């Protein structure tokens, strides 16, 4: 029997709001979680992005609020997600008269404190700013009945776990209902649940396919030095509108935006180090299409309202499949089709395979537009501009009349003008892209096999001990393939031990006995001060190369 929102126990005012919003039937996570939450149970909900988690924890909790004090606190890992969730809570509770406040860093303390003094029912905040306001006694949690951790795995990866525990400790476990929603349940998350939740009911929703079927996914494999040229060919050849290009690091996004602008593709970089008002200004330009290429870090991979994105391009593929899902989820929305393009090197092909395994979706290998394809595209667009101008021209040109009086026939005049204009349009060269072998990554994996220890050592010494990326420093970790270390383990080890975001970590090279990882220069001391971490039950140490 198909469940409905009414059968789940939601009140008429919420049912009316859901009908107005176009919600027809609950998603699996909503159908599983809502009855348990209405029954007063603590819940751990595991589901991937786009499965309706926000409505799953918002709808059953807001209908139980009295509307008289602060009764609900929702923690999110980023300011963008805090804003998004607060908007969702306000939208779902539009007929309940709820007062909702997002709190996050980068906004005035005074403004947030004034709103808190006036009284709110729901606070949606990032851990750092929330804890600051608690310590300043501006945010009082005496009446909080619902504590919700949204994207708990992200908070763990970004080093917020201590702040989260401090906030949970500030409320009475016996008096509150605690909800934890996450894409994954790691051991630290389960430990957190054990310490701060009351016999939680665990829900796990397995998605057959995590990515939208309206998104056309493909990848192109090139040599590293050809990545910029491959990207410019794609930008020029594709019929695109708003385009999001993802890089792995802040420095990488700024450099790529500059290089694209030099090649005639106006682009702006957006990342977490920009002030909030500057980020909003850039996003508004992108929304109103005065800017149509945005180069971003994962700060806009989720939690930011950007409609009508036609193309998402992964210039740097993420080391974590879930981040790939978040990124490409920016396109193919509201029934529209979208394009998700990833540019990789041969060594990164394994990351494509990890994404395919994670999403249960095959990603097609594409063939880059050739130089002839690009020139044909330019000619087609040039022809379109000429036809448009001809149709818009009503009065004969005085210059044309003078040239004809000088004895030049119209055909010769037109040919000369077209040749002159075409020369201006087609001056940008189409650089050659070198061949790359599909088998290169397989050969790399096989290197050292059957050649004894000498062959394996030779390959490990081939890793550079100096980062090739500006603003990054290469750090060594004393574990490698022999210890079954994977990229996700490296990111977790560095990010959790140094309490930095896993998203700022750069290139990772895993050798047989050691691993080299790029870390932003400003975070190097934090990593080295941590000295070691624990991965797969074993201690690993960090050192500067």
Protein backbone atom coordinates (compact mmCIF):
# COMPACT_ATOMS: atom_id res chain seq x y z
CA UNK A 1 0.00 0.00 0.00
CA UNK A 2 1.39 3.38 -1.03
CA UNK A 3 1.86 5.70 1.93
CA UNK A 4 0.71 9.33 1.90
CA UNK A 5 1.73 12.29 4.02
CA UNK A 6 -1.72 12.10 5.63
CA UNK A 7 -1.26 8.45 6.59
CA UNK A 8 2.06 9.33 8.25
CA UNK A 9 0.25 11.50 10.80
CA UNK A 10 0.99 15.05 9.69
CA UNK A 11 -1.48 17.79 10.71
CA UNK A 12 -3.84 19.42 8.14
CA UNK A 13 -1.91 22.72 8.00
CA UNK A 14 1.28 20.91 6.96
CA UNK A 15 -0.64 18.75 4.48
CA UNK A 16 -2.05 21.92 2.91
CA UNK A 17 1.44 23.45 2.65
CA UNK A 18 2.86 20.29 1.08
CA UNK A 19 0.03 20.25 -1.46
CA UNK A 20 0.76 23.88 -2.39
CA UNK A 21 4.44 23.03 -2.80
CA UNK A 22 3.56 20.16 -5.15
CA UNK A 23 4.57 17.28 -2.84
CA UNK A 24 2.51 14.24 -3.81
CA UNK A 25 3.89 11.32 -1.79
CA UNK A 26 6.69 10.82 0.74
CA UNK A 27 10.15 9.62 -0.25
CA UNK A 28 11.48 6.44 1.44
CA UNK A 29 13.44 8.37 4.10
CA UNK A 30 10.37 10.51 4.86
CA UNK A 31 8.05 7.51 5.07
CA UNK A 32 10.43 5.74 7.45
CA UNK A 33 11.42 8.67 9.68
CA UNK A 34 8.24 10.74 10.14
CA UNK A 35 6.22 8.16 12.16
CA UNK A 36 9.19 7.44 14.44
CA UNK A 37 9.80 11.14 15.09
CA UNK A 38 6.13 11.77 15.81
CA UNK A 39 6.36 8.88 18.28
CA UNK A 40 9.15 10.66 20.17
CA UNK A 41 11.99 8.35 19.13
CA UNK A 42 15.61 9.42 18.59
CA UNK A 43 16.52 8.64 14.99
CA UNK A 44 19.71 8.08 13.00
CA UNK A 45 18.83 8.46 9.32
CA UNK A 46 21.28 7.45 6.61
CA UNK A 47 20.41 8.53 3.06
CA UNK A 48 22.17 10.19 0.18
CA UNK A 49 21.73 13.70 -1.15
CA UNK A 50 18.47 14.53 -2.90
CA UNK A 51 16.40 11.96 -0.99
CA UNK A 52 14.31 14.45 1.01
CA UNK A 53 16.13 14.32 4.34
CA UNK A 54 15.33 17.95 5.25
CA UNK A 55 11.58 17.39 5.00
CA UNK A 56 11.98 14.06 6.81
CA UNK A 57 13.25 15.70 10.00
CA UNK A 58 11.52 19.09 9.64
CA UNK A 59 7.87 18.14 9.08
CA UNK A 60 7.30 15.90 12.14
CA UNK A 61 9.21 18.18 14.50
CA UNK A 62 7.79 21.60 13.61
CA UNK A 63 4.23 20.34 14.05
CA UNK A 64 5.08 19.61 17.70
CA UNK A 65 6.45 23.09 18.48
CA UNK A 66 4.44 25.35 20.80
CA UNK A 67 5.59 28.54 19.08
CA UNK A 68 6.45 30.20 22.40
CA UNK A 69 10.23 29.80 22.73
CA UNK A 70 13.35 28.32 21.13
CA UNK A 71 12.50 24.62 20.97
CA UNK A 72 14.53 23.38 18.00
CA UNK A 73 18.24 23.64 17.16
CA UNK A 74 19.56 22.33 13.85
CA UNK A 75 23.32 22.11 13.24
CA UNK A 76 24.75 22.11 9.70
CA UNK A 77 28.39 22.04 8.54
CA UNK A 78 28.30 25.14 6.28
CA UNK A 79 26.67 28.55 6.20
CA UNK A 80 25.17 27.77 2.79
CA UNK A 81 23.42 24.69 4.15
CA UNK A 82 22.29 26.62 7.25
CA UNK A 83 20.61 29.19 5.01
CA UNK A 84 19.07 26.50 2.80
CA UNK A 85 17.68 24.50 5.73
CA UNK A 86 16.33 27.61 7.48
CA UNK A 87 14.51 28.56 4.29
CA UNK A 88 13.05 25.05 4.07
CA UNK A 89 11.89 25.15 7.72
CA UNK A 90 10.29 28.54 7.15
CA UNK A 91 8.60 27.31 3.96
CA UNK A 92 7.24 24.11 5.53
CA UNK A 93 6.06 26.01 8.62
CA UNK A 94 4.54 28.95 6.74
CA UNK A 95 1.07 28.24 8.18
CA UNK A 96 2.36 27.67 11.71
CA UNK A 97 3.73 31.17 12.29
CA UNK A 98 7.22 29.93 13.17
CA UNK A 99 10.16 32.29 13.60
CA UNK A 100 13.32 30.80 12.11
CA UNK A 101 16.87 32.18 12.40
CA UNK A 102 20.01 31.01 10.56
CA UNK A 103 23.24 31.78 12.41
CA UNK A 104 26.70 31.45 10.91
CA UNK A 105 30.11 33.09 10.77
CA UNK A 106 30.67 36.08 8.52
CA UNK A 107 27.51 37.83 9.72
CA UNK A 108 27.33 40.43 12.50
CA UNK A 109 27.01 39.06 16.05
CA UNK A 110 24.86 42.08 16.97
CA UNK A 111 22.34 41.31 14.24
CA UNK A 112 22.00 37.68 15.30
CA UNK A 113 21.82 38.57 18.99
CA UNK A 114 19.06 41.12 18.35
CA UNK A 115 16.99 38.48 16.56
CA UNK A 116 17.53 36.02 19.41
CA UNK A 117 16.39 38.61 21.97
CA UNK A 118 13.19 39.20 19.98
CA UNK A 119 12.46 35.48 20.20
CA UNK A 120 12.71 32.63 17.68
CA UNK A 121 11.34 29.09 17.58
CA UNK A 122 13.98 27.42 15.41
CA UNK A 123 17.70 28.14 15.09
CA UNK A 124 19.71 26.65 12.21
CA UNK A 125 23.41 27.21 12.77
CA UNK A 126 26.95 26.20 12.01
CA UNK A 127 28.77 24.66 15.00
CA UNK A 128 31.35 27.42 15.48
CA UNK A 129 28.98 30.40 15.58
CA UNK A 130 26.37 28.43 17.55
CA UNK A 131 28.90 27.59 20.27
CA UNK A 132 30.13 31.21 20.36
CA UNK A 133 26.61 32.49 21.00
CA UNK A 134 26.02 29.84 23.66
CA UNK A 135 29.18 30.89 25.47
CA UNK A 136 28.17 34.55 25.21
CA UNK A 137 24.85 33.50 26.81
CA UNK A 138 23.01 35.02 23.85
CA UNK A 139 21.72 31.62 22.74
CA UNK A 140 19.86 29.87 25.56
CA UNK A 141 18.96 26.23 25.11
CA UNK A 142 16.82 25.75 28.25
CA UNK A 143 13.66 24.94 26.29
CA UNK A 144 15.18 23.02 23.38
CA UNK A 145 13.18 19.85 22.75
CA UNK A 146 14.61 18.88 19.35
CA UNK A 147 18.33 18.71 18.51
CA UNK A 148 19.12 17.86 14.88
CA UNK A 149 22.51 17.17 13.31
CA UNK A 150 22.24 17.53 9.53
CA UNK A 151 25.08 16.12 7.38
CA UNK A 152 26.87 14.83 10.46
CA UNK A 153 29.57 13.17 8.34
CA UNK A 154 30.48 16.55 6.85
CA UNK A 155 30.79 18.11 10.30
CA UNK A 156 33.14 15.32 11.27
CA UNK A 157 35.29 15.75 8.15
CA UNK A 158 35.47 19.52 8.63
CA UNK A 159 36.78 19.15 12.19
CA UNK A 160 33.63 20.34 14.03
CA UNK A 161 33.16 17.24 16.17
CA UNK A 162 34.42 18.90 19.40
CA UNK A 163 32.11 21.89 18.89
CA UNK A 164 29.18 19.57 18.23
CA UNK A 165 29.84 17.62 21.42
CA UNK A 166 30.09 20.86 23.42
CA UNK A 167 26.72 21.98 22.06
CA UNK A 168 25.08 18.62 22.77
CA UNK A 169 26.46 18.75 26.31
CA UNK A 170 24.75 22.12 26.83
CA UNK A 171 21.31 20.49 26.61
CA UNK A 172 19.63 17.82 28.73
CA UNK A 173 19.77 14.44 26.96
CA UNK A 174 16.74 13.22 28.90
CA UNK A 175 14.62 16.21 27.90
CA UNK A 176 15.38 16.42 24.19
CA UNK A 177 14.72 14.30 21.12
CA UNK A 178 17.90 13.96 19.08
CA UNK A 179 18.00 13.39 15.33
CA UNK A 180 21.13 12.59 13.36
CA UNK A 181 21.05 12.54 9.55
CA UNK A 182 24.08 11.67 7.49
CA UNK A 183 25.18 10.14 4.20
CA UNK A 184 27.50 7.75 6.07
CA UNK A 185 27.78 6.39 9.61
CA UNK A 186 31.47 6.24 10.50
CA UNK A 187 32.76 4.95 13.84
CA UNK A 188 33.10 8.49 15.33
CA UNK A 189 29.50 9.24 14.31
CA UNK A 190 28.28 6.05 15.98
CA UNK A 191 30.26 6.93 19.11
CA UNK A 192 28.63 10.36 19.13
CA UNK A 193 25.20 8.75 18.85
CA UNK A 194 25.93 6.34 21.69
CA UNK A 195 26.98 9.16 24.01
CA UNK A 196 24.30 11.72 23.22
CA UNK A 197 21.23 9.85 21.94
CA UNK A 198 18.59 7.74 23.69
CA UNK A 199 18.40 4.27 22.08
CA UNK A 200 18.16 5.70 18.57
CA UNK A 201 16.24 3.95 15.82
CA UNK A 202 18.50 3.51 12.80
CA UNK A 203 17.16 4.01 9.26
CA UNK A 204 19.21 3.26 6.17
CA UNK A 205 17.88 4.07 2.70
CA UNK A 206 19.74 2.47 -0.18
CA UNK A 207 19.28 4.32 -3.47
CA UNK A 208 19.36 2.23 -6.66
CA UNK A 209 20.88 5.16 -8.47
CA UNK A 210 21.99 8.30 -6.65
CA UNK A 211 22.34 10.57 -9.65
CA UNK A 212 19.48 12.18 -11.56
CA UNK A 213 18.60 10.29 -14.75
CA UNK A 214 18.15 13.66 -16.49
CA UNK A 215 21.89 14.34 -16.13
CA UNK A 216 24.07 13.20 -19.03
CA UNK A 217 27.36 12.13 -17.44
CA UNK A 218 30.62 11.71 -19.34
CA UNK A 219 34.35 12.03 -18.81
CA UNK A 220 37.34 12.99 -20.95
CA UNK A 221 40.81 11.63 -20.30
CA UNK A 222 43.81 13.82 -21.18
CA UNK A 223 47.39 14.35 -20.12
CA UNK A 224 47.72 16.76 -17.20
CA UNK A 225 49.32 19.54 -19.26
CA UNK A 226 46.37 19.45 -21.69
CA UNK A 227 43.61 19.94 -19.10
CA UNK A 228 43.20 23.69 -19.73
CA UNK A 229 43.05 23.21 -23.49
CA UNK A 230 40.52 20.39 -23.08
CA UNK A 231 38.36 22.62 -20.87
CA UNK A 232 38.44 25.54 -23.31
CA UNK A 233 37.42 23.24 -26.18
CA UNK A 234 34.48 21.99 -24.13
CA UNK A 235 33.41 25.51 -23.16
CA UNK A 236 33.57 26.69 -26.76
CA UNK A 237 31.90 23.68 -28.35
CA UNK A 238 29.06 22.93 -25.91
CA UNK A 239 25.67 24.65 -26.23
CA UNK A 240 25.65 25.83 -22.66
CA UNK A 241 24.20 28.47 -20.36
CA UNK A 242 25.20 28.84 -16.71
CA UNK A 243 28.27 26.65 -16.17
CA UNK A 244 29.77 25.54 -12.84
CA UNK A 245 33.41 24.37 -12.90
CA UNK A 246 34.71 22.62 -9.79
CA UNK A 247 38.30 22.62 -8.58
CA UNK A 248 39.74 20.92 -5.52
CA UNK A 249 41.36 23.93 -3.85
CA UNK A 250 40.86 27.65 -3.32
CA UNK A 251 44.14 28.48 -5.03
CA UNK A 252 43.24 26.23 -7.95
CA UNK A 253 39.88 27.95 -8.47
CA UNK A 254 41.42 31.43 -8.56
CA UNK A 255 44.16 30.38 -11.00
CA UNK A 256 41.73 28.57 -13.31
CA UNK A 257 39.36 31.55 -13.43
CA UNK A 258 42.26 33.81 -14.38
CA UNK A 259 43.47 31.44 -17.13
CA UNK A 260 39.97 31.14 -18.58
CA UNK A 261 39.58 34.92 -18.66
CA UNK A 262 42.88 35.16 -20.55
CA UNK A 263 41.47 32.76 -23.13
CA UNK A 264 38.30 34.79 -23.67
CA UNK A 265 35.98 33.03 -21.23
CA UNK A 266 35.03 35.54 -18.49
CA UNK A 267 34.91 33.57 -15.24
CA UNK A 268 34.99 34.34 -11.53
CA UNK A 269 36.19 32.10 -8.69
CA UNK A 270 34.13 31.51 -5.55
CA UNK A 271 35.40 29.73 -2.45
CA UNK A 272 35.16 29.63 1.32
CA UNK A 273 37.74 32.35 1.95
CA UNK A 274 35.58 35.05 0.34
CA UNK A 275 33.44 37.22 2.61
CA UNK A 276 29.79 36.20 2.70
CA UNK A 277 28.55 39.41 1.04
CA UNK A 278 31.09 38.99 -1.77
CA UNK A 279 30.01 35.41 -2.35
CA UNK A 280 26.36 36.48 -2.48
CA UNK A 281 27.22 39.26 -4.96
CA UNK A 282 28.96 36.75 -7.25
CA UNK A 283 26.12 34.24 -6.94
CA UNK A 284 23.55 36.91 -7.77
CA UNK A 285 25.46 37.79 -10.95
CA UNK A 286 25.47 34.10 -11.84
CA UNK A 287 21.74 33.79 -11.16
CA UNK A 288 20.83 36.77 -13.35
CA UNK A 289 23.25 35.57 -16.05
CA UNK A 290 25.46 38.64 -16.17
CA UNK A 291 28.12 36.00 -15.46
CA UNK A 292 27.81 32.48 -16.87
CA UNK A 293 31.01 30.72 -15.79
CA UNK A 294 31.65 30.17 -12.10
CA UNK A 295 34.79 28.38 -10.91
CA UNK A 296 34.11 26.96 -7.48
CA UNK A 297 35.39 24.79 -4.70
CA UNK A 298 32.94 22.46 -2.99
CA UNK A 299 31.59 25.42 -1.02
CA UNK A 300 28.80 25.56 -3.65
CA UNK A 301 28.59 21.79 -4.13
CA UNK A 302 25.53 21.79 -1.87
CA UNK A 303 23.36 24.19 0.06
CA UNK A 304 23.37 27.06 -2.46
CA UNK A 305 20.35 28.02 -4.53
CA UNK A 306 21.56 28.28 -8.15
CA UNK A 307 18.82 27.54 -10.68
CA UNK A 308 19.22 26.76 -14.38
CA UNK A 309 22.76 25.37 -14.38
CA UNK A 310 23.16 23.69 -17.76
CA UNK A 311 26.67 22.27 -17.25
CA UNK A 312 28.70 21.07 -14.28
CA UNK A 313 32.36 20.44 -15.12
CA UNK A 314 34.73 18.68 -12.74
CA UNK A 315 38.10 20.15 -13.70
CA UNK A 316 39.48 18.38 -10.62
CA UNK A 317 37.62 15.19 -9.82
CA UNK A 318 36.84 14.79 -6.14
CA UNK A 319 38.56 12.00 -4.22
CA UNK A 320 35.23 11.24 -2.53
CA UNK A 321 32.35 9.85 -4.65
CA UNK A 322 29.69 11.52 -2.49
CA UNK A 323 31.17 14.92 -3.36
CA UNK A 324 30.85 14.04 -7.04
CA UNK A 325 27.14 13.42 -6.44
CA UNK A 326 26.75 16.74 -4.62
CA UNK A 327 28.54 18.60 -7.40
CA UNK A 328 26.62 17.27 -10.38
CA UNK A 329 23.36 17.63 -8.46
CA UNK A 330 23.56 21.36 -9.26
CA UNK A 331 22.32 20.60 -12.80
CA UNK A 332 19.38 18.61 -14.19
CA UNK A 333 16.88 20.17 -11.80
CA UNK A 334 13.14 20.92 -12.03
CA UNK A 335 12.64 18.50 -14.90
CA UNK A 336 15.40 20.02 -17.04
CA UNK A 337 18.23 18.01 -18.54
CA UNK A 338 21.82 18.75 -17.57
CA UNK A 339 25.38 17.91 -18.54
CA UNK A 340 27.97 16.60 -16.06
CA UNK A 341 31.49 16.53 -17.50
CA UNK A 342 34.65 15.35 -15.76
CA UNK A 343 38.22 15.89 -16.99
CA UNK A 344 40.70 13.31 -15.71
CA UNK A 345 44.21 12.07 -16.28
CA UNK A 346 44.98 8.38 -16.80
CA UNK A 347 46.03 8.03 -13.18
CA UNK A 348 42.61 9.34 -12.05
CA UNK A 349 40.58 6.81 -14.02
CA UNK A 350 40.24 4.70 -10.88
CA UNK A 351 38.31 7.60 -9.30
CA UNK A 352 35.75 7.38 -12.12
CA UNK A 353 35.38 3.67 -11.39
CA UNK A 354 34.86 4.44 -7.68
CA UNK A 355 32.11 6.92 -8.57
CA UNK A 356 30.43 4.38 -10.86
CA UNK A 357 30.50 1.76 -8.12
CA UNK A 358 29.18 4.23 -5.55
CA UNK A 359 26.36 5.62 -7.72
CA UNK A 360 25.56 2.40 -9.58
CA UNK A 361 25.69 4.42 -12.79
CA UNK A 362 28.00 3.98 -15.79
CA UNK A 363 29.80 7.15 -16.89
CA UNK A 364 30.51 7.27 -20.62
CA UNK A 365 33.93 8.15 -21.97
CA UNK A 366 33.66 11.10 -24.36
CA UNK A 367 35.76 12.17 -27.31
CA UNK A 368 36.95 15.77 -27.18
CA UNK A 369 35.95 18.11 -30.04
CA UNK A 370 38.71 18.21 -32.65
CA UNK A 371 40.30 21.39 -33.96
CA UNK A 372 38.12 21.04 -37.08
CA UNK A 373 35.03 20.72 -34.89
CA UNK A 374 35.92 23.96 -33.10
CA UNK A 375 36.53 25.84 -36.36
CA UNK A 376 33.25 24.56 -37.80
CA UNK A 377 31.45 25.71 -34.65
CA UNK A 378 33.00 29.16 -34.96
CA UNK A 379 31.95 29.36 -38.59
CA UNK A 380 28.40 28.34 -37.71
CA UNK A 381 28.14 30.98 -34.97
CA UNK A 382 29.68 33.60 -37.25
CA UNK A 383 27.10 32.80 -39.92
CA UNK A 384 24.36 33.17 -37.34
CA UNK A 385 25.62 36.60 -36.30
CA UNK A 386 25.74 37.74 -39.94
CA UNK A 387 22.19 36.58 -40.65
CA UNK A 388 20.94 38.27 -37.48
CA UNK A 389 22.64 41.53 -38.47
CA UNK A 390 21.30 41.34 -42.05
CA UNK A 391 17.75 40.89 -40.77
CA UNK A 392 18.15 43.84 -38.41
CA UNK A 393 19.51 46.16 -41.12
CA UNK A 394 16.80 48.32 -42.74
CA UNK A 395 18.60 51.30 -44.27
CA UNK A 396 21.28 50.83 -46.97
CA UNK A 397 24.81 51.72 -45.88
CA UNK A 398 26.27 55.01 -47.12
CA UNK A 399 29.70 53.37 -47.27
CA UNK A 400 28.28 50.53 -49.39
CA UNK A 401 26.84 53.05 -51.84
CA UNK A 402 30.18 54.88 -52.08
CA UNK A 403 32.08 51.64 -52.70
CA UNK A 404 29.64 50.65 -55.44
CA UNK A 405 30.06 54.09 -57.04
CA UNK A 406 33.79 53.39 -57.08
CA UNK A 407 33.04 50.37 -59.28
CA UNK A 408 33.18 47.50 -56.79
CA UNK A 409 30.35 44.97 -57.18
CA UNK A 410 28.28 44.11 -54.05
CA UNK A 411 29.54 40.49 -53.99
CA UNK A 412 33.16 41.60 -53.82
CA UNK A 413 32.42 44.16 -51.11
CA UNK A 414 30.52 41.60 -49.03
CA UNK A 415 33.31 39.03 -49.41
CA UNK A 416 35.95 41.51 -48.28
CA UNK A 417 33.94 42.55 -45.22
CA UNK A 418 33.18 38.93 -44.26
CA UNK A 419 36.86 37.95 -44.62
CA UNK A 420 37.91 40.87 -42.43
CA UNK A 421 35.36 40.06 -39.73
CA UNK A 422 36.11 36.35 -39.89
CA UNK A 423 39.81 37.01 -39.37
CA UNK A 424 38.94 38.79 -36.11
CA UNK A 425 36.59 36.03 -34.98
CA UNK A 426 38.90 33.11 -35.76
CA UNK A 427 42.23 34.47 -34.54
CA UNK A 428 42.27 32.36 -31.34
CA UNK A 429 44.36 29.26 -32.11
CA UNK A 430 43.11 25.75 -31.38
CA UNK A 431 46.05 24.07 -29.70
CA UNK A 432 46.84 20.43 -30.25
CA UNK A 433 46.03 17.89 -27.53
CA UNK A 434 48.42 14.98 -27.19
CA UNK A 435 47.30 11.35 -27.20
CA UNK A 436 46.81 9.58 -23.89
CA UNK A 437 46.65 5.84 -23.33
CA UNK A 438 43.72 4.20 -21.55
CA UNK A 439 46.12 1.60 -20.20
CA UNK A 440 48.47 4.00 -18.51
CA UNK A 441 46.81 3.71 -15.12
CA UNK A 442 46.75 -0.08 -15.41
CA UNK A 443 50.45 -0.10 -16.25
CA UNK A 444 51.14 2.08 -13.22
CA UNK A 445 49.29 -0.32 -10.97
CA UNK A 446 51.28 -3.23 -12.41
CA UNK A 447 54.66 -1.52 -12.15
CA UNK A 448 56.91 -3.39 -9.75
CA UNK A 449 55.08 -6.68 -10.14
CA UNK A 450 57.37 -9.52 -11.21
CA UNK A 451 60.39 -7.20 -11.02
CA UNK A 452 61.27 -7.75 -7.40
CA UNK A 453 61.60 -5.12 -4.70
CA UNK A 454 63.85 -2.99 -6.86
CA UNK A 455 61.08 -2.22 -9.37
CA UNK A 456 58.61 -1.24 -6.64
CA UNK A 457 61.08 1.10 -4.98
CA UNK A 458 61.83 2.80 -8.26
CA UNK A 459 58.18 3.71 -8.80
CA UNK A 460 57.75 5.05 -5.28
CA UNK A 461 60.77 7.36 -5.69
CA UNK A 462 59.11 8.80 -8.81
CA UNK A 463 56.64 10.78 -6.66
CA UNK A 464 57.73 14.38 -6.34
CA UNK A 465 58.33 15.58 -2.81
CA UNK A 466 57.41 19.13 -3.82
CA UNK A 467 53.87 20.23 -4.66
CA UNK A 468 53.24 21.43 -8.21
CA UNK A 469 50.38 23.63 -7.08
CA UNK A 470 50.91 27.18 -5.91
CA UNK A 471 50.08 27.72 -2.24
CA UNK A 472 50.29 24.00 -1.39
CA UNK A 473 52.93 22.11 0.61
CA UNK A 474 53.57 18.37 0.27
CA UNK A 475 53.49 16.32 3.47
CA UNK A 476 54.52 12.68 3.90
CA UNK A 477 52.51 10.05 5.76
CA UNK A 478 54.30 6.83 6.76
CA UNK A 479 51.74 4.41 5.34
CA UNK A 480 50.88 3.33 1.83
CA UNK A 481 49.49 0.58 -0.37
CA UNK A 482 50.97 -2.17 1.77
CA UNK A 483 48.74 -0.85 4.57
CA UNK A 484 45.67 -0.81 2.28
CA UNK A 485 45.54 2.99 2.47
CA UNK A 486 42.98 4.66 0.17
CA UNK A 487 42.52 8.37 -0.73
CA UNK A 488 39.53 8.66 1.60
CA UNK A 489 41.68 7.38 4.48
CA UNK A 490 44.32 10.01 3.76
CA UNK A 491 41.76 12.82 3.68
CA UNK A 492 40.20 11.64 6.94
CA UNK A 493 43.59 11.22 8.67
CA UNK A 494 44.82 14.71 7.79
CA UNK A 495 41.50 16.55 8.24
CA UNK A 496 40.46 14.95 11.53
CA UNK A 497 43.84 15.12 13.25
CA UNK A 498 44.52 18.75 12.30
CA UNK A 499 40.85 19.84 12.53
CA UNK A 500 40.75 21.26 9.02
CA UNK A 501 38.28 20.73 6.20
CA UNK A 502 38.91 17.67 4.06
CA UNK A 503 37.87 19.77 1.06
CA UNK A 504 41.04 21.88 1.13
CA UNK A 505 43.33 18.88 0.74
CA UNK A 506 45.00 18.67 -2.66
CA UNK A 507 46.79 15.98 -4.66
CA UNK A 508 47.38 12.57 -3.07
CA UNK A 509 50.07 10.10 -4.21
CA UNK A 510 49.99 6.71 -2.49
CA UNK A 511 53.17 4.68 -2.75
CA UNK A 512 53.97 1.23 -1.41
CA UNK A 513 55.29 2.35 1.96
CA UNK A 514 54.44 6.04 2.20
CA UNK A 515 51.93 8.60 0.96
CA UNK A 516 52.41 12.19 -0.18
CA UNK A 517 49.56 14.66 0.26
CA UNK A 518 49.27 18.36 -0.62
CA UNK A 519 48.01 20.67 2.14
CA UNK A 520 47.40 24.46 1.89
CA UNK A 521 50.38 26.33 3.28
CA UNK A 522 48.33 28.01 6.02
CA UNK A 523 47.30 24.59 7.43
CA UNK A 524 50.70 22.89 7.34
CA UNK A 525 51.59 23.75 10.93
CA UNK A 526 48.26 22.37 12.18
CA UNK A 527 48.94 19.06 10.45
CA UNK A 528 52.52 18.80 11.66
CA UNK A 529 51.51 19.79 15.20
CA UNK A 530 49.07 16.86 15.23
CA UNK A 531 52.05 14.60 14.36
CA UNK A 532 49.97 11.46 13.93
CA UNK A 533 46.52 10.01 13.37
CA UNK A 534 44.88 6.59 13.41
CA UNK A 535 43.80 4.95 10.16
CA UNK A 536 42.27 1.47 9.97
CA UNK A 537 43.37 0.80 13.53
CA UNK A 538 47.01 1.71 12.97
CA UNK A 539 48.94 4.83 13.87
CA UNK A 540 50.29 6.94 11.00
CA UNK A 541 52.68 9.87 11.37
CA UNK A 542 53.10 13.07 9.36
CA UNK A 543 56.30 14.81 8.38
CA UNK A 544 57.32 17.55 6.01
CA UNK A 545 59.06 16.37 2.83
